[in-house]
Amino acid sequence: MAVYIALLRGINVSGKKIIKMEDLRSLLESMGLQQVRTYIQSGNAVYSAAAGAQEALAERISAALKLKYGFEVGVIVKTPDELEAALRGNPFAAGSVGAAQEETGEKRYYSFLAKAPEPSAVETLQAYASEADDYRIVGDVAYILCRDSYGKSQFSNNFLEAKLKVMATTRNEATVRKLLDMGRAVEE
């Protein structure tokens, strides 16, 4: 068995695409996934399943959600090791946020992409970096540094999807760390 983290895109936002986490847990269990745990209402699930293709798992979960709820939900599946690598690989050094975070409000966000974007698409983002927002794309992760608030950031999930031409789902650093901890607990 392997441990995976499913990141659902765009559920329970502004009263749309409502999925209760209890219902998500039941749905995933009905698919044969084991040790299912959910975290907060933004669509995060940790579970164990037979080792295999993550993309196929994402497609199975997405199809099951479409069948049950009647709407599309993008799903990205990661392993605990991949989440840990994303956290360790953040190009915005802890000093740029870290201790100053409470004083300045700076925050780090991780937009997990369905695949690494084309270099030409990444280049289109350069014009949007500012003193308020900065970004870096490393493989299939877009790292966002918000010096104000994510709600005011140019680099919203929808913006990144439009510019990079790939499906994305975004989590703050605290959520990524919690999901990693949950994944490691299931591994034990």
C-alpha atoms as a PDB file:
ATOM      1  CA  MET A   1       0.000   0.000   0.000  1.00  0.00           C
ATOM      2  CA  ALA A   2       1.067   3.572  -0.659  1.00  0.00           C
ATOM      3  CA  VAL A   3      -0.104   6.846   0.862  1.00  0.00           C
ATOM      4  CA  TYR A   4      -1.520   9.610  -1.283  1.00  0.00           C
ATOM      5  CA  ILE A   5      -2.968  13.069  -0.807  1.00  0.00           C
ATOM      6  CA  ALA A   6      -5.836  14.139  -3.067  1.00  0.00           C
ATOM      7  CA  LEU A   7      -6.165  17.888  -3.621  1.00  0.00           C
ATOM      8  CA  LEU A   8      -9.566  18.807  -5.013  1.00  0.00           C
ATOM      9  CA  ARG A   9      -9.859  21.963  -7.058  1.00  0.00           C
ATOM     10  CA  GLY A  10     -12.477  24.619  -6.433  1.00  0.00           C
ATOM     11  CA  ILE A  11     -14.946  22.956  -4.075  1.00  0.00           C
ATOM     12  CA  ASN A  12     -16.813  24.692  -1.259  1.00  0.00           C
ATOM     13  CA  VAL A  13     -15.843  28.150  -2.556  1.00  0.00           C
ATOM     14  CA  SER A  14     -18.427  30.943  -2.385  1.00  0.00           C
ATOM     15  CA  GLY A  15     -21.237  28.443  -1.842  1.00  0.00           C
ATOM     16  CA  LYS A  16     -20.522  26.552  -5.076  1.00  0.00           C
ATOM     17  CA  LYS A  17     -19.615  22.928  -5.694  1.00  0.00           C
ATOM     18  CA  ILE A  18     -20.491  21.983  -2.142  1.00  0.00           C
ATOM     19  CA  ILE A  19     -19.069  18.667  -0.948  1.00  0.00           C
ATOM     20  CA  LYS A  20     -19.117  17.813   2.739  1.00  0.00           C
ATOM     21  CA  MET A  21     -15.884  16.244   3.901  1.00  0.00           C
ATOM     22  CA  GLU A  22     -17.794  13.422   5.587  1.00  0.00           C
ATOM     23  CA  ASP A  23     -19.378  12.636   2.202  1.00  0.00           C
ATOM     24  CA  LEU A  24     -16.006  12.856   0.449  1.00  0.00           C
ATOM     25  CA  ARG A  25     -14.529  10.423   2.970  1.00  0.00           C
ATOM     26  CA  SER A  26     -17.417   7.983   2.402  1.00  0.00           C
ATOM     27  CA  LEU A  27     -17.076   8.277  -1.372  1.00  0.00           C
ATOM     28  CA  LEU A  28     -13.351   7.565  -1.272  1.00  0.00           C
ATOM     29  CA  GLU A  29     -13.885   4.595   1.043  1.00  0.00           C
ATOM     30  CA  SER A  30     -16.546   3.230  -1.343  1.00  0.00           C
ATOM     31  CA  MET A  31     -13.870   3.325  -4.068  1.00  0.00           C
ATOM     32  CA  GLY A  32     -11.721   0.950  -2.002  1.00  0.00           C
ATOM     33  CA  LEU A  33      -9.346   3.576  -0.651  1.00  0.00           C
ATOM     34  CA  GLN A  34      -8.275   2.940   2.935  1.00  0.00           C
ATOM     35  CA  GLN A  35      -7.396   4.973   6.035  1.00  0.00           C
ATOM     36  CA  VAL A  36      -9.183   7.971   4.514  1.00  0.00           C
ATOM     37  CA  ARG A  37      -8.828  11.236   6.401  1.00  0.00           C
ATOM     38  CA  THR A  38      -9.979  14.657   5.262  1.00  0.00           C
ATOM     39  CA  TYR A  39      -8.717  18.061   6.272  1.00  0.00           C
ATOM     40  CA  ILE A  40     -10.686  21.316   6.292  1.00  0.00           C
ATOM     41  CA  GLN A  41     -13.414  22.103   3.803  1.00  0.00           C
ATOM     42  CA  SER A  42     -11.241  22.986   0.797  1.00  0.00           C
ATOM     43  CA  GLY A  43     -11.040  19.411  -0.464  1.00  0.00           C
ATOM     44  CA  ASN A  44      -8.038  17.617   0.980  1.00  0.00           C
ATOM     45  CA  ALA A  45      -7.966  13.872   1.560  1.00  0.00           C
ATOM     46  CA  VAL A  46      -5.196  11.578   2.743  1.00  0.00           C
ATOM     47  CA  TYR A  47      -5.567   7.851   2.114  1.00  0.00           C
ATOM     48  CA  SER A  48      -3.765   4.626   1.364  1.00  0.00           C
ATOM     49  CA  ALA A  49      -4.229   2.612  -1.805  1.00  0.00           C
ATOM     50  CA  ALA A  50      -2.404   0.086  -3.913  1.00  0.00           C
ATOM     51  CA  ALA A  51       0.728   1.658  -5.320  1.00  0.00           C
ATOM     52  CA  GLY A  52       0.121   2.820  -8.837  1.00  0.00           C
ATOM     53  CA  ALA A  53      -0.284   5.690 -11.213  1.00  0.00           C
ATOM     54  CA  GLN A  54      -1.291   8.856  -9.405  1.00  0.00           C
ATOM     55  CA  GLU A  55      -2.873  10.306 -12.529  1.00  0.00           C
ATOM     56  CA  ALA A  56      -5.183   7.286 -12.780  1.00  0.00           C
ATOM     57  CA  LEU A  57      -6.182   7.749  -9.121  1.00  0.00           C
ATOM     58  CA  ALA A  58      -6.921  11.420  -9.768  1.00  0.00           C
ATOM     59  CA  GLU A  59      -9.082  10.504 -12.761  1.00  0.00           C
ATOM     60  CA  ARG A  60     -10.974   7.839 -10.776  1.00  0.00           C
ATOM     61  CA  ILE A  61     -11.716  10.281  -7.951  1.00  0.00           C
ATOM     62  CA  SER A  62     -12.769  12.996 -10.394  1.00  0.00           C
ATOM     63  CA  ALA A  63     -15.073  10.588 -12.248  1.00  0.00           C
ATOM     64  CA  ALA A  64     -16.660   9.376  -8.988  1.00  0.00           C
ATOM     65  CA  LEU A  65     -17.287  12.985  -7.899  1.00  0.00           C
ATOM     66  CA  LYS A  66     -18.855  13.809 -11.285  1.00  0.00           C
ATOM     67  CA  LEU A  67     -21.116  10.764 -11.018  1.00  0.00           C
ATOM     68  CA  LYS A  68     -22.220  11.573  -7.456  1.00  0.00           C
ATOM     69  CA  TYR A  69     -22.501  15.365  -7.636  1.00  0.00           C
ATOM     70  CA  GLY A  70     -23.019  16.123 -11.324  1.00  0.00           C
ATOM     71  CA  PHE A  71     -20.186  18.634 -11.628  1.00  0.00           C
ATOM     72  CA  GLU A  72     -16.546  18.468 -12.641  1.00  0.00           C
ATOM     73  CA  VAL A  73     -13.899  18.562  -9.942  1.00  0.00           C
ATOM     74  CA  GLY A  74     -10.249  18.642 -10.885  1.00  0.00           C
ATOM     75  CA  VAL A  75      -8.096  16.404  -8.688  1.00  0.00           C
ATOM     76  CA  ILE A  76      -4.344  16.347  -8.232  1.00  0.00           C
ATOM     77  CA  VAL A  77      -2.821  13.433  -6.317  1.00  0.00           C
ATOM     78  CA  LYS A  78       0.518  13.748  -4.541  1.00  0.00           C
ATOM     79  CA  THR A  79       2.589  11.543  -2.259  1.00  0.00           C
ATOM     80  CA  PRO A  80       3.898  12.709   1.111  1.00  0.00           C
ATOM     81  CA  ASP A  81       7.396  12.760  -0.407  1.00  0.00           C
ATOM     82  CA  GLU A  82       6.192  15.099  -3.155  1.00  0.00           C
ATOM     83  CA  LEU A  83       4.630  17.472  -0.629  1.00  0.00           C
ATOM     84  CA  GLU A  84       7.833  17.423   1.399  1.00  0.00           C
ATOM     85  CA  ALA A  85       9.874  18.153  -1.736  1.00  0.00           C
ATOM     86  CA  ALA A  86       7.575  21.085  -2.551  1.00  0.00           C
ATOM     87  CA  LEU A  87       8.055  22.514   0.933  1.00  0.00           C
ATOM     88  CA  ARG A  88      11.833  22.027   0.858  1.00  0.00           C
ATOM     89  CA  GLY A  89      12.080  23.384  -2.679  1.00  0.00           C
ATOM     90  CA  ASN A  90      10.329  26.666  -2.005  1.00  0.00           C
ATOM     91  CA  PRO A  91      12.598  29.289  -3.586  1.00  0.00           C
ATOM     92  CA  PHE A  92      11.345  31.976  -1.219  1.00  0.00           C
ATOM     93  CA  ALA A  93      13.740  31.571   1.692  1.00  0.00           C
ATOM     94  CA  ALA A  94      12.298  31.366   5.178  1.00  0.00           C
ATOM     95  CA  GLY A  95      13.834  34.781   5.851  1.00  0.00           C
ATOM     96  CA  SER A  96      11.551  36.330   3.243  1.00  0.00           C
ATOM     97  CA  VAL A  97       8.568  35.228   5.272  1.00  0.00           C
ATOM     98  CA  GLY A  98       9.519  33.354   8.455  1.00  0.00           C
ATOM     99  CA  ALA A  99       9.772  35.622  11.484  1.00  0.00           C
ATOM    100  CA  ALA A 100       8.662  38.685   9.523  1.00  0.00           C
ATOM    101  CA  GLN A 101       5.416  37.006   8.500  1.00  0.00           C
ATOM    102  CA  GLU A 102       3.389  38.213  11.467  1.00  0.00           C
ATOM    103  CA  GLU A 103       4.632  41.780  11.107  1.00  0.00           C
ATOM    104  CA  THR A 104       4.290  42.080   7.342  1.00  0.00           C
ATOM    105  CA  GLY A 105       1.521  39.602   6.563  1.00  0.00           C
ATOM    106  CA  GLU A 106       3.672  37.844   3.956  1.00  0.00           C
ATOM    107  CA  LYS A 107       2.502  34.357   3.176  1.00  0.00           C
ATOM    108  CA  ARG A 108       3.621  31.484   0.963  1.00  0.00           C
ATOM    109  CA  TYR A 109       1.206  29.565  -1.238  1.00  0.00           C
ATOM    110  CA  TYR A 110       1.679  26.443  -3.309  1.00  0.00           C
ATOM    111  CA  SER A 111      -0.235  26.010  -6.556  1.00  0.00           C
ATOM    112  CA  PHE A 112       0.015  22.376  -7.520  1.00  0.00           C
ATOM    113  CA  LEU A 113      -0.202  22.021 -11.297  1.00  0.00           C
ATOM    114  CA  ALA A 114      -1.559  19.028 -13.214  1.00  0.00           C
ATOM    115  CA  LYS A 115       1.706  19.053 -15.185  1.00  0.00           C
ATOM    116  CA  ALA A 116       4.720  21.269 -15.662  1.00  0.00           C
ATOM    117  CA  PRO A 117       3.709  24.186 -17.901  1.00  0.00           C
ATOM    118  CA  GLU A 118       5.356  25.039 -21.191  1.00  0.00           C
ATOM    119  CA  PRO A 119       8.280  27.474 -20.801  1.00  0.00           C
ATOM    120  CA  SER A 120       6.549  29.963 -23.108  1.00  0.00           C
ATOM    121  CA  ALA A 121       3.524  30.010 -20.787  1.00  0.00           C
ATOM    122  CA  VAL A 122       5.750  30.581 -17.752  1.00  0.00           C
ATOM    123  CA  GLU A 123       7.371  33.543 -19.521  1.00  0.00           C
ATOM    124  CA  THR A 124       3.985  35.282 -19.799  1.00  0.00           C
ATOM    125  CA  LEU A 125       3.858  35.583 -15.998  1.00  0.00           C
ATOM    126  CA  GLN A 126       6.973  37.749 -15.762  1.00  0.00           C
ATOM    127  CA  ALA A 127       5.027  40.928 -16.486  1.00  0.00           C
ATOM    128  CA  TYR A 128       2.778  40.352 -13.450  1.00  0.00           C
ATOM    129  CA  ALA A 129       5.348  40.042 -10.651  1.00  0.00           C
ATOM    130  CA  SER A 130       5.297  43.067  -8.371  1.00  0.00           C
ATOM    131  CA  GLU A 131       6.357  44.279  -4.957  1.00  0.00           C
ATOM    132  CA  ALA A 132       3.071  42.891  -3.609  1.00  0.00           C
ATOM    133  CA  ASP A 133       3.323  39.476  -5.273  1.00  0.00           C
ATOM    134  CA  ASP A 134       6.075  37.270  -6.556  1.00  0.00           C
ATOM    135  CA  TYR A 135       6.160  33.768  -7.997  1.00  0.00           C
ATOM    136  CA  ARG A 136       8.447  30.992  -9.150  1.00  0.00           C
ATOM    137  CA  ILE A 137       7.522  27.937 -11.190  1.00  0.00           C
ATOM    138  CA  VAL A 138       9.544  24.826 -10.393  1.00  0.00           C
ATOM    139  CA  GLY A 139       8.365  21.768 -12.279  1.00  0.00           C
ATOM    140  CA  ASP A 140       4.698  21.222 -11.477  1.00  0.00           C
ATOM    141  CA  VAL A 141       4.536  23.640  -8.532  1.00  0.00           C
ATOM    142  CA  ALA A 142       3.937  27.385  -8.676  1.00  0.00           C
ATOM    143  CA  TYR A 143       5.305  29.048  -5.555  1.00  0.00           C
ATOM    144  CA  ILE A 144       3.505  32.283  -4.701  1.00  0.00           C
ATOM    145  CA  LEU A 145       4.744  34.859  -2.206  1.00  0.00           C
ATOM    146  CA  CYS A 146       2.009  37.291  -1.162  1.00  0.00           C
ATOM    147  CA  ARG A 147       3.217  40.326   0.698  1.00  0.00           C
ATOM    148  CA  ASP A 148      -0.345  41.534   1.147  1.00  0.00           C
ATOM    149  CA  SER A 149      -3.073  38.887   1.053  1.00  0.00           C
ATOM    150  CA  TYR A 150      -3.888  36.032  -1.281  1.00  0.00           C
ATOM    151  CA  GLY A 151      -7.337  37.531  -1.829  1.00  0.00           C
ATOM    152  CA  LYS A 152      -5.684  40.586  -3.391  1.00  0.00           C
ATOM    153  CA  SER A 153      -2.973  38.661  -5.214  1.00  0.00           C
ATOM    154  CA  GLN A 154      -2.638  38.805  -8.978  1.00  0.00           C
ATOM    155  CA  PHE A 155      -1.585  35.158  -8.853  1.00  0.00           C
ATOM    156  CA  SER A 156      -4.941  33.581  -8.055  1.00  0.00           C
ATOM    157  CA  ASN A 157      -5.588  29.975  -8.982  1.00  0.00           C
ATOM    158  CA  ASN A 158      -7.794  30.982 -11.934  1.00  0.00           C
ATOM    159  CA  PHE A 159      -5.169  33.459 -13.177  1.00  0.00           C
ATOM    160  CA  LEU A 160      -2.445  30.809 -13.076  1.00  0.00           C
ATOM    161  CA  GLU A 161      -4.630  28.314 -14.921  1.00  0.00           C
ATOM    162  CA  ALA A 162      -5.434  30.855 -17.631  1.00  0.00           C
ATOM    163  CA  LYS A 163      -1.822  31.931 -18.127  1.00  0.00           C
ATOM    164  CA  LEU A 164      -0.133  28.551 -17.713  1.00  0.00           C
ATOM    165  CA  LYS A 165      -2.852  26.567 -19.522  1.00  0.00           C
ATOM    166  CA  VAL A 166      -2.843  23.780 -16.922  1.00  0.00           C
ATOM    167  CA  MET A 167      -5.228  22.819 -14.133  1.00  0.00           C
ATOM    168  CA  ALA A 168      -4.066  24.014 -10.714  1.00  0.00           C
ATOM    169  CA  THR A 169      -5.170  23.899  -7.108  1.00  0.00           C
ATOM    170  CA  THR A 170      -3.681  26.162  -4.453  1.00  0.00           C
ATOM    171  CA  ARG A 171      -2.988  25.649  -0.755  1.00  0.00           C
ATOM    172  CA  ASN A 172      -1.331  27.839   1.847  1.00  0.00           C
ATOM    173  CA  GLU A 173       1.845  26.623   3.509  1.00  0.00           C
ATOM    174  CA  ALA A 174       0.128  25.688   6.772  1.00  0.00           C
ATOM    175  CA  THR A 175      -2.254  23.384   4.888  1.00  0.00           C
ATOM    176  CA  VAL A 176       0.563  21.750   2.914  1.00  0.00           C
ATOM    177  CA  ARG A 177       2.480  21.126   6.150  1.00  0.00           C
ATOM    178  CA  LYS A 178      -0.601  19.660   7.856  1.00  0.00           C
ATOM    179  CA  LEU A 179      -1.312  17.366   4.892  1.00  0.00           C
ATOM    180  CA  LEU A 180       2.296  16.185   4.962  1.00  0.00           C
ATOM    181  CA  ASP A 181       1.989  15.426   8.688  1.00  0.00           C
ATOM    182  CA  MET A 182      -1.258  13.536   8.077  1.00  0.00           C
ATOM    183  CA  GLY A 183       0.313  11.575   5.232  1.00  0.00           C
ATOM    184  CA  ARG A 184       3.300  10.615   7.352  1.00  0.00           C
ATOM    185  CA  ALA A 185       0.965   9.487  10.159  1.00  0.00           C
ATOM    186  CA  VAL A 186      -0.888   7.173   7.751  1.00  0.00           C
ATOM    187  CA  GLU A 187       2.451   5.761   6.560  1.00  0.00           C
ATOM    188  CA  GLU A 188       3.319   4.639  10.114  1.00  0.00           C
END
